[in-house]
PDB file of all heavy atoms in Angstrom:
ATOM      1  N   PHE A   1      -4.835 -24.987  16.044  1.00  0.00           N
ATOM      2  CA  PHE A   1      -3.479 -24.850  16.503  1.00  0.00           C
ATOM      3  C   PHE A   1      -2.501 -25.192  15.379  1.00  0.00           C
ATOM      4  O   PHE A   1      -2.886 -25.787  14.388  1.00  0.00           O
ATOM      5  CB  PHE A   1      -3.162 -25.681  17.782  1.00  0.00           C
ATOM      6  CG  PHE A   1      -3.321 -27.147  17.689  1.00  0.00           C
ATOM      7  CD1 PHE A   1      -2.267 -27.931  17.311  1.00  0.00           C
ATOM      8  CD2 PHE A   1      -4.553 -27.760  17.940  1.00  0.00           C
ATOM      9  CE1 PHE A   1      -2.349 -29.318  17.212  1.00  0.00           C
ATOM     10  CE2 PHE A   1      -4.669 -29.167  17.879  1.00  0.00           C
ATOM     11  CZ  PHE A   1      -3.552 -29.930  17.514  1.00  0.00           C
ATOM     12  N   LYS A   2      -1.319 -24.746  15.626  1.00  0.00           N
ATOM     13  CA  LYS A   2      -0.206 -25.123  14.640  1.00  0.00           C
ATOM     14  C   LYS A   2       0.702 -26.009  15.405  1.00  0.00           C
ATOM     15  O   LYS A   2       1.158 -25.812  16.485  1.00  0.00           O
ATOM     16  CB  LYS A   2       0.565 -23.892  14.193  1.00  0.00           C
ATOM     17  CG  LYS A   2      -0.247 -23.012  13.263  1.00  0.00           C
ATOM     18  CD  LYS A   2       0.598 -21.885  12.669  1.00  0.00           C
ATOM     19  CE  LYS A   2      -0.146 -21.037  11.667  1.00  0.00           C
ATOM     20  NZ  LYS A   2      -0.534 -21.680  10.419  1.00  0.00           N
ATOM     21  N   ALA A   3       1.004 -27.173  14.797  1.00  0.00           N
ATOM     22  CA  ALA A   3       1.826 -28.194  15.359  1.00  0.00           C
ATOM     23  C   ALA A   3       3.156 -28.299  14.555  1.00  0.00           C
ATOM     24  O   ALA A   3       3.117 -28.364  13.378  1.00  0.00           O
ATOM     25  CB  ALA A   3       1.124 -29.552  15.369  1.00  0.00           C
ATOM     26  N   ARG A   4       4.285 -28.319  15.315  1.00  0.00           N
ATOM     27  CA  ARG A   4       5.526 -28.522  14.658  1.00  0.00           C
ATOM     28  C   ARG A   4       5.668 -30.047  14.395  1.00  0.00           C
ATOM     29  O   ARG A   4       5.557 -30.764  15.312  1.00  0.00           O
ATOM     30  CB  ARG A   4       6.739 -28.060  15.455  1.00  0.00           C
ATOM     31  CG  ARG A   4       7.952 -27.941  14.601  1.00  0.00           C
ATOM     32  CD  ARG A   4       9.073 -27.286  15.280  1.00  0.00           C
ATOM     33  NE  ARG A   4       9.718 -28.309  16.102  1.00  0.00           N
ATOM     34  CZ  ARG A   4      10.590 -28.053  17.092  1.00  0.00           C
ATOM     35  NH1 ARG A   4      10.946 -26.875  17.352  1.00  0.00           N
ATOM     36  NH2 ARG A   4      11.154 -29.060  17.701  1.00  0.00           N
ATOM     37  N   ILE A   5       5.801 -30.429  13.147  1.00  0.00           N
ATOM     38  CA  ILE A   5       5.903 -31.885  12.833  1.00  0.00           C
ATOM     39  C   ILE A   5       7.334 -32.275  12.640  1.00  0.00           C
ATOM     40  O   ILE A   5       8.236 -31.440  12.551  1.00  0.00           O
ATOM     41  CB  ILE A   5       5.010 -32.176  11.623  1.00  0.00           C
ATOM     42  CG1 ILE A   5       5.425 -31.360  10.416  1.00  0.00           C
ATOM     43  CG2 ILE A   5       3.536 -31.995  11.915  1.00  0.00           C
ATOM     44  CD1 ILE A   5       4.740 -31.685   9.065  1.00  0.00           C
ATOM     45  N   PHE A   6       7.575 -33.603  12.638  1.00  0.00           N
ATOM     46  CA  PHE A   6       8.884 -34.127  12.677  1.00  0.00           C
ATOM     47  C   PHE A   6       9.735 -33.743  11.461  1.00  0.00           C
ATOM     48  O   PHE A   6      10.910 -33.643  11.525  1.00  0.00           O
ATOM     49  CB  PHE A   6       8.809 -35.710  12.730  1.00  0.00           C
ATOM     50  CG  PHE A   6       8.067 -36.150  13.994  1.00  0.00           C
ATOM     51  CD1 PHE A   6       6.856 -36.744  13.919  1.00  0.00           C
ATOM     52  CD2 PHE A   6       8.569 -35.856  15.230  1.00  0.00           C
ATOM     53  CE1 PHE A   6       6.249 -37.185  15.062  1.00  0.00           C
ATOM     54  CE2 PHE A   6       8.003 -36.285  16.390  1.00  0.00           C
ATOM     55  CZ  PHE A   6       6.776 -36.897  16.305  1.00  0.00           C
ATOM     56  N   ARG A   7       9.036 -33.480  10.351  1.00  0.00           N
ATOM     57  CA  ARG A   7       9.792 -33.122   9.120  1.00  0.00           C
ATOM     58  C   ARG A   7      10.131 -31.615   9.130  1.00  0.00           C
ATOM     59  O   ARG A   7      10.622 -31.074   8.135  1.00  0.00           O
ATOM     60  CB  ARG A   7       8.924 -33.397   7.919  1.00  0.00           C
ATOM     61  CG  ARG A   7       8.834 -34.932   7.679  1.00  0.00           C
ATOM     62  CD  ARG A   7       7.943 -35.217   6.473  1.00  0.00           C
ATOM     63  NE  ARG A   7       6.863 -36.072   6.989  1.00  0.00           N
ATOM     64  CZ  ARG A   7       5.735 -36.252   6.379  1.00  0.00           C
ATOM     65  NH1 ARG A   7       5.398 -35.596   5.295  1.00  0.00           N
ATOM     66  NH2 ARG A   7       4.838 -37.103   6.897  1.00  0.00           N
ATOM     67  N   GLY A   8       9.856 -30.901  10.157  1.00  0.00           N
ATOM     68  CA  GLY A   8      10.066 -29.493  10.236  1.00  0.00           C
ATOM     69  C   GLY A   8       8.922 -28.755   9.776  1.00  0.00           C
ATOM     70  O   GLY A   8       7.990 -29.227   9.131  1.00  0.00           O
ATOM     71  N   GLY A   9       8.849 -27.485  10.164  1.00  0.00           N
ATOM     72  CA  GLY A   9       7.745 -26.661   9.752  1.00  0.00           C
ATOM     73  C   GLY A   9       6.556 -26.835  10.619  1.00  0.00           C
ATOM     74  O   GLY A   9       6.512 -27.689  11.570  1.00  0.00           O
ATOM     75  N   TYR A  10       5.464 -26.052  10.412  1.00  0.00           N
ATOM     76  CA  TYR A  10       4.281 -26.134  11.200  1.00  0.00           C
ATOM     77  C   TYR A  10       3.131 -26.583  10.334  1.00  0.00           C
ATOM     78  O   TYR A  10       3.122 -26.303   9.110  1.00  0.00           O
ATOM     79  CB  TYR A  10       4.033 -24.788  11.881  1.00  0.00           C
ATOM     80  CG  TYR A  10       4.745 -24.551  13.088  1.00  0.00           C
ATOM     81  CD1 TYR A  10       6.110 -24.047  12.985  1.00  0.00           C
ATOM     82  CD2 TYR A  10       4.381 -24.830  14.362  1.00  0.00           C
ATOM     83  CE1 TYR A  10       6.867 -23.785  14.159  1.00  0.00           C
ATOM     84  CE2 TYR A  10       5.076 -24.670  15.467  1.00  0.00           C
ATOM     85  CZ  TYR A  10       6.383 -24.144  15.368  1.00  0.00           C
ATOM     86  OH  TYR A  10       7.118 -23.933  16.508  1.00  0.00           O
ATOM     87  N   LEU A  11       2.213 -27.190  11.009  1.00  0.00           N
ATOM     88  CA  LEU A  11       1.046 -27.714  10.306  1.00  0.00           C
ATOM     89  C   LEU A  11      -0.250 -27.226  10.973  1.00  0.00           C
ATOM     90  O   LEU A  11      -0.297 -27.278  12.217  1.00  0.00           O
ATOM     91  CB  LEU A  11       1.088 -29.285  10.431  1.00  0.00           C
ATOM     92  CG  LEU A  11      -0.079 -30.075   9.953  1.00  0.00           C
ATOM     93  CD1 LEU A  11      -0.175 -29.984   8.426  1.00  0.00           C
ATOM     94  CD2 LEU A  11       0.079 -31.548  10.369  1.00  0.00           C
ATOM     95  N   ASP A  12      -1.184 -26.735  10.216  1.00  0.00           N
ATOM     96  CA  ASP A  12      -2.479 -26.270  10.770  1.00  0.00           C
ATOM     97  C   ASP A  12      -3.265 -27.518  11.165  1.00  0.00           C
ATOM     98  O   ASP A  12      -3.458 -28.438  10.289  1.00  0.00           O
ATOM     99  CB  ASP A  12      -3.267 -25.437   9.811  1.00  0.00           C
ATOM    100  CG  ASP A  12      -2.720 -24.001   9.682  1.00  0.00           C
ATOM    101  OD1 ASP A  12      -2.573 -23.377  10.686  1.00  0.00           O
ATOM    102  OD2 ASP A  12      -2.498 -23.619   8.494  1.00  0.00           O
ATOM    103  N   VAL A  13      -3.838 -27.530  12.325  1.00  0.00           N
ATOM    104  CA  VAL A  13      -4.749 -28.579  12.778  1.00  0.00           C
ATOM    105  C   VAL A  13      -6.048 -27.914  13.372  1.00  0.00           C
ATOM    106  O   VAL A  13      -5.916 -26.945  14.148  1.00  0.00           O
ATOM    107  CB  VAL A  13      -4.071 -29.430  13.939  1.00  0.00           C
ATOM    108  CG1 VAL A  13      -4.982 -30.529  14.412  1.00  0.00           C
ATOM    109  CG2 VAL A  13      -2.748 -30.040  13.456  1.00  0.00           C
ATOM    110  N   PHE A  14      -7.144 -28.420  12.887  1.00  0.00           N
ATOM    111  CA  PHE A  14      -8.420 -27.880  13.356  1.00  0.00           C
ATOM    112  C   PHE A  14      -9.154 -28.977  14.160  1.00  0.00           C
ATOM    113  O   PHE A  14      -9.084 -30.137  13.787  1.00  0.00           O
ATOM    114  CB  PHE A  14      -9.297 -27.431  12.166  1.00  0.00           C
ATOM    115  CG  PHE A  14      -8.856 -26.160  11.474  1.00  0.00           C
ATOM    116  CD1 PHE A  14      -8.008 -26.188  10.434  1.00  0.00           C
ATOM    117  CD2 PHE A  14      -9.207 -24.982  12.032  1.00  0.00           C
ATOM    118  CE1 PHE A  14      -7.609 -25.071   9.824  1.00  0.00           C
ATOM    119  CE2 PHE A  14      -8.825 -23.741  11.419  1.00  0.00           C
ATOM    120  CZ  PHE A  14      -7.965 -23.785  10.324  1.00  0.00           C
ATOM    121  N   VAL A  15      -9.796 -28.478  15.192  1.00  0.00           N
ATOM    122  CA  VAL A  15     -10.575 -29.382  16.048  1.00  0.00           C
ATOM    123  C   VAL A  15     -12.059 -29.068  15.793  1.00  0.00           C
ATOM    124  O   VAL A  15     -12.446 -27.932  15.856  1.00  0.00           O
ATOM    125  CB  VAL A  15     -10.272 -29.221  17.583  1.00  0.00           C
ATOM    126  CG1 VAL A  15     -11.057 -30.100  18.410  1.00  0.00           C
ATOM    127  CG2 VAL A  15      -8.791 -29.245  17.819  1.00  0.00           C
ATOM    128  N   ASN A  16     -12.803 -30.114  15.514  1.00  0.00           N
ATOM    129  CA  ASN A  16     -14.227 -29.980  15.161  1.00  0.00           C
ATOM    130  C   ASN A  16     -14.408 -28.829  14.162  1.00  0.00           C
ATOM    131  O   ASN A  16     -15.123 -27.824  14.479  1.00  0.00           O
ATOM    132  CB  ASN A  16     -15.109 -29.762  16.378  1.00  0.00           C
ATOM    133  CG  ASN A  16     -15.062 -30.961  17.327  1.00  0.00           C
ATOM    134  OD1 ASN A  16     -14.683 -32.060  16.939  1.00  0.00           O
ATOM    135  ND2 ASN A  16     -15.501 -30.829  18.541  1.00  0.00           N
ATOM    136  N   PRO A  17     -13.835 -28.946  13.015  1.00  0.00           N
ATOM    137  CA  PRO A  17     -13.759 -27.870  12.054  1.00  0.00           C
ATOM    138  C   PRO A  17     -15.088 -27.613  11.339  1.00  0.00           C
ATOM    139  O   PRO A  17     -15.907 -28.433  11.205  1.00  0.00           O
ATOM    140  CB  PRO A  17     -12.735 -28.378  11.003  1.00  0.00           C
ATOM    141  CG  PRO A  17     -12.954 -29.852  11.010  1.00  0.00           C
ATOM    142  CD  PRO A  17     -13.224 -30.188  12.449  1.00  0.00           C
ATOM    143  N   SER A  18     -15.172 -26.401  10.785  1.00  0.00           N
ATOM    144  CA  SER A  18     -16.313 -25.994   9.958  1.00  0.00           C
ATOM    145  C   SER A  18     -15.940 -26.530   8.559  1.00  0.00           C
ATOM    146  O   SER A  18     -14.823 -26.948   8.276  1.00  0.00           O
ATOM    147  CB  SER A  18     -16.401 -24.483   9.883  1.00  0.00           C
ATOM    148  OG  SER A  18     -15.304 -23.889   9.238  1.00  0.00           O
ATOM    149  N   LYS A  19     -16.878 -26.492   7.646  1.00  0.00           N
ATOM    150  CA  LYS A  19     -16.669 -26.963   6.309  1.00  0.00           C
ATOM    151  C   LYS A  19     -15.566 -26.106   5.571  1.00  0.00           C
ATOM    152  O   LYS A  19     -14.743 -26.619   4.886  1.00  0.00           O
ATOM    153  CB  LYS A  19     -17.951 -26.971   5.511  1.00  0.00           C
ATOM    154  CG  LYS A  19     -18.892 -28.090   5.909  1.00  0.00           C
ATOM    155  CD  LYS A  19     -19.986 -28.318   4.840  1.00  0.00           C
ATOM    156  CE  LYS A  19     -21.011 -29.411   5.407  1.00  0.00           C
ATOM    157  NZ  LYS A  19     -20.495 -30.751   5.285  1.00  0.00           N
ATOM    158  N   SER A  20     -15.593 -24.795   5.835  1.00  0.00           N
ATOM    159  CA  SER A  20     -14.633 -23.905   5.325  1.00  0.00           C
ATOM    160  C   SER A  20     -13.265 -24.213   5.851  1.00  0.00           C
ATOM    161  O   SER A  20     -12.236 -24.122   5.127  1.00  0.00           O
ATOM    162  CB  SER A  20     -14.993 -22.422   5.424  1.00  0.00           C
ATOM    163  OG  SER A  20     -14.984 -22.087   6.773  1.00  0.00           O
ATOM    164  N   GLU A  21     -13.178 -24.564   7.130  1.00  0.00           N
ATOM    165  CA  GLU A  21     -11.842 -24.943   7.697  1.00  0.00           C
ATOM    166  C   GLU A  21     -11.340 -26.284   7.121  1.00  0.00           C
ATOM    167  O   GLU A  21     -10.194 -26.379   6.867  1.00  0.00           O
ATOM    168  CB  GLU A  21     -11.952 -24.991   9.209  1.00  0.00           C
ATOM    169  CG  GLU A  21     -12.127 -23.709   9.823  1.00  0.00           C
ATOM    170  CD  GLU A  21     -12.549 -23.705  11.279  1.00  0.00           C
ATOM    171  OE1 GLU A  21     -13.134 -24.741  11.759  1.00  0.00           O
ATOM    172  OE2 GLU A  21     -12.301 -22.713  12.007  1.00  0.00           O
ATOM    173  N   ILE A  22     -12.249 -27.155   6.787  1.00  0.00           N
ATOM    174  CA  ILE A  22     -11.781 -28.445   6.162  1.00  0.00           C
ATOM    175  C   ILE A  22     -11.273 -28.098   4.794  1.00  0.00           C
ATOM    176  O   ILE A  22     -10.180 -28.668   4.408  1.00  0.00           O
ATOM    177  CB  ILE A  22     -12.977 -29.454   6.057  1.00  0.00           C
ATOM    178  CG1 ILE A  22     -13.355 -29.962   7.507  1.00  0.00           C
ATOM    179  CG2 ILE A  22     -12.672 -30.587   5.134  1.00  0.00           C
ATOM    180  CD1 ILE A  22     -14.559 -30.807   7.562  1.00  0.00           C
ATOM    181  N   ARG A  23     -11.941 -27.278   4.035  1.00  0.00           N
ATOM    182  CA  ARG A  23     -11.421 -26.904   2.705  1.00  0.00           C
ATOM    183  C   ARG A  23     -10.067 -26.198   2.782  1.00  0.00           C
ATOM    184  O   ARG A  23      -9.149 -26.316   2.025  1.00  0.00           O
ATOM    185  CB  ARG A  23     -12.432 -26.044   1.976  1.00  0.00           C
ATOM    186  CG  ARG A  23     -13.648 -26.773   1.419  1.00  0.00           C
ATOM    187  CD  ARG A  23     -14.462 -26.006   0.481  1.00  0.00           C
ATOM    188  NE  ARG A  23     -15.135 -24.882   1.073  1.00  0.00           N
ATOM    189  CZ  ARG A  23     -16.287 -24.942   1.860  1.00  0.00           C
ATOM    190  NH1 ARG A  23     -16.877 -26.136   1.991  1.00  0.00           N
ATOM    191  NH2 ARG A  23     -16.832 -23.926   2.363  1.00  0.00           N
ATOM    192  N   GLN A  24      -9.936 -25.325   3.809  1.00  0.00           N
ATOM    193  CA  GLN A  24      -8.752 -24.578   4.047  1.00  0.00           C
ATOM    194  C   GLN A  24      -7.525 -25.519   4.326  1.00  0.00           C
ATOM    195  O   GLN A  24      -6.452 -25.279   3.862  1.00  0.00           O
ATOM    196  CB  GLN A  24      -8.909 -23.584   5.174  1.00  0.00           C
ATOM    197  CG  GLN A  24      -7.674 -22.799   5.569  1.00  0.00           C
ATOM    198  CD  GLN A  24      -7.907 -21.993   6.841  1.00  0.00           C
ATOM    199  OE1 GLN A  24      -9.071 -21.629   7.139  1.00  0.00           O
ATOM    200  NE2 GLN A  24      -6.879 -21.598   7.485  1.00  0.00           N
ATOM    201  N   VAL A  25      -7.758 -26.495   5.112  1.00  0.00           N
ATOM    202  CA  VAL A  25      -6.673 -27.481   5.514  1.00  0.00           C
ATOM    203  C   VAL A  25      -6.337 -28.536   4.514  1.00  0.00           C
ATOM    204  O   VAL A  25      -5.270 -29.110   4.545  1.00  0.00           O
ATOM    205  CB  VAL A  25      -6.911 -27.944   6.920  1.00  0.00           C
ATOM    206  CG1 VAL A  25      -7.899 -29.067   6.912  1.00  0.00           C
ATOM    207  CG2 VAL A  25      -5.635 -28.337   7.605  1.00  0.00           C
ATOM    208  N   ALA A  26      -7.258 -28.850   3.590  1.00  0.00           N
ATOM    209  CA  ALA A  26      -7.079 -29.923   2.637  1.00  0.00           C
ATOM    210  C   ALA A  26      -5.823 -29.725   1.783  1.00  0.00           C
ATOM    211  O   ALA A  26      -5.507 -28.596   1.421  1.00  0.00           O
ATOM    212  CB  ALA A  26      -8.352 -29.996   1.787  1.00  0.00           C
ATOM    213  N   SER A  27      -5.190 -30.817   1.532  1.00  0.00           N
ATOM    214  CA  SER A  27      -3.948 -30.837   0.659  1.00  0.00           C
ATOM    215  C   SER A  27      -4.275 -30.170  -0.671  1.00  0.00           C
ATOM    216  O   SER A  27      -5.291 -30.565  -1.313  1.00  0.00           O
ATOM    217  CB  SER A  27      -3.522 -32.244   0.486  1.00  0.00           C
ATOM    218  OG  SER A  27      -2.534 -32.296  -0.575  1.00  0.00           O
ATOM    219  N   LYS A  28      -3.455 -29.254  -0.991  1.00  0.00           N
ATOM    220  CA  LYS A  28      -3.618 -28.652  -2.402  1.00  0.00           C
ATOM    221  C   LYS A  28      -3.215 -29.591  -3.490  1.00  0.00           C
ATOM    222  O   LYS A  28      -3.739 -29.467  -4.602  1.00  0.00           O
ATOM    223  CB  LYS A  28      -2.721 -27.351  -2.531  1.00  0.00           C
ATOM    224  CG  LYS A  28      -2.987 -26.344  -1.439  1.00  0.00           C
ATOM    225  CD  LYS A  28      -4.462 -25.996  -1.304  1.00  0.00           C
ATOM    226  CE  LYS A  28      -4.672 -24.982  -0.134  1.00  0.00           C
ATOM    227  NZ  LYS A  28      -5.712 -25.280   0.741  1.00  0.00           N
ATOM    228  N   LYS A  29      -2.478 -30.673  -3.195  1.00  0.00           N
ATOM    229  CA  LYS A  29      -2.050 -31.617  -4.192  1.00  0.00           C
ATOM    230  C   LYS A  29      -3.173 -32.589  -4.469  1.00  0.00           C
ATOM    231  O   LYS A  29      -3.429 -33.052  -5.559  1.00  0.00           O
ATOM    232  CB  LYS A  29      -0.854 -32.390  -3.720  1.00  0.00           C
ATOM    233  CG  LYS A  29       0.382 -31.531  -3.580  1.00  0.00           C
ATOM    234  CD  LYS A  29       1.520 -32.400  -3.018  1.00  0.00           C
ATOM    235  CE  LYS A  29       2.737 -31.530  -2.694  1.00  0.00           C
ATOM    236  NZ  LYS A  29       3.814 -32.375  -2.140  1.00  0.00           N
ATOM    237  N   SER A  30      -3.878 -33.061  -3.409  1.00  0.00           N
ATOM    238  CA  SER A  30      -4.795 -34.221  -3.557  1.00  0.00           C
ATOM    239  C   SER A  30      -6.221 -33.871  -3.056  1.00  0.00           C
ATOM    240  O   SER A  30      -7.064 -34.766  -3.133  1.00  0.00           O
ATOM    241  CB  SER A  30      -4.279 -35.437  -2.855  1.00  0.00           C
ATOM    242  OG  SER A  30      -4.184 -35.146  -1.410  1.00  0.00           O
ATOM    243  N   ASN A  31      -6.489 -32.692  -2.438  1.00  0.00           N
ATOM    244  CA  ASN A  31      -7.793 -32.437  -1.883  1.00  0.00           C
ATOM    245  C   ASN A  31      -8.125 -33.334  -0.705  1.00  0.00           C
ATOM    246  O   ASN A  31      -9.269 -33.684  -0.553  1.00  0.00           O
ATOM    247  CB  ASN A  31      -8.926 -32.438  -2.989  1.00  0.00           C
ATOM    248  CG  ASN A  31      -9.109 -31.106  -3.610  1.00  0.00           C
ATOM    249  OD1 ASN A  31      -8.701 -30.108  -3.165  1.00  0.00           O
ATOM    250  ND2 ASN A  31      -9.825 -31.097  -4.686  1.00  0.00           N
TER     251      ASN A  31
END
């Protein structure tokens, strides 16, 4: 799902994610 966070914008959230979904959602700045 996409959640609207307090700072504005939407954030991807995965429930019981696959390894590829974990890589997809990881911060590009810090992994």
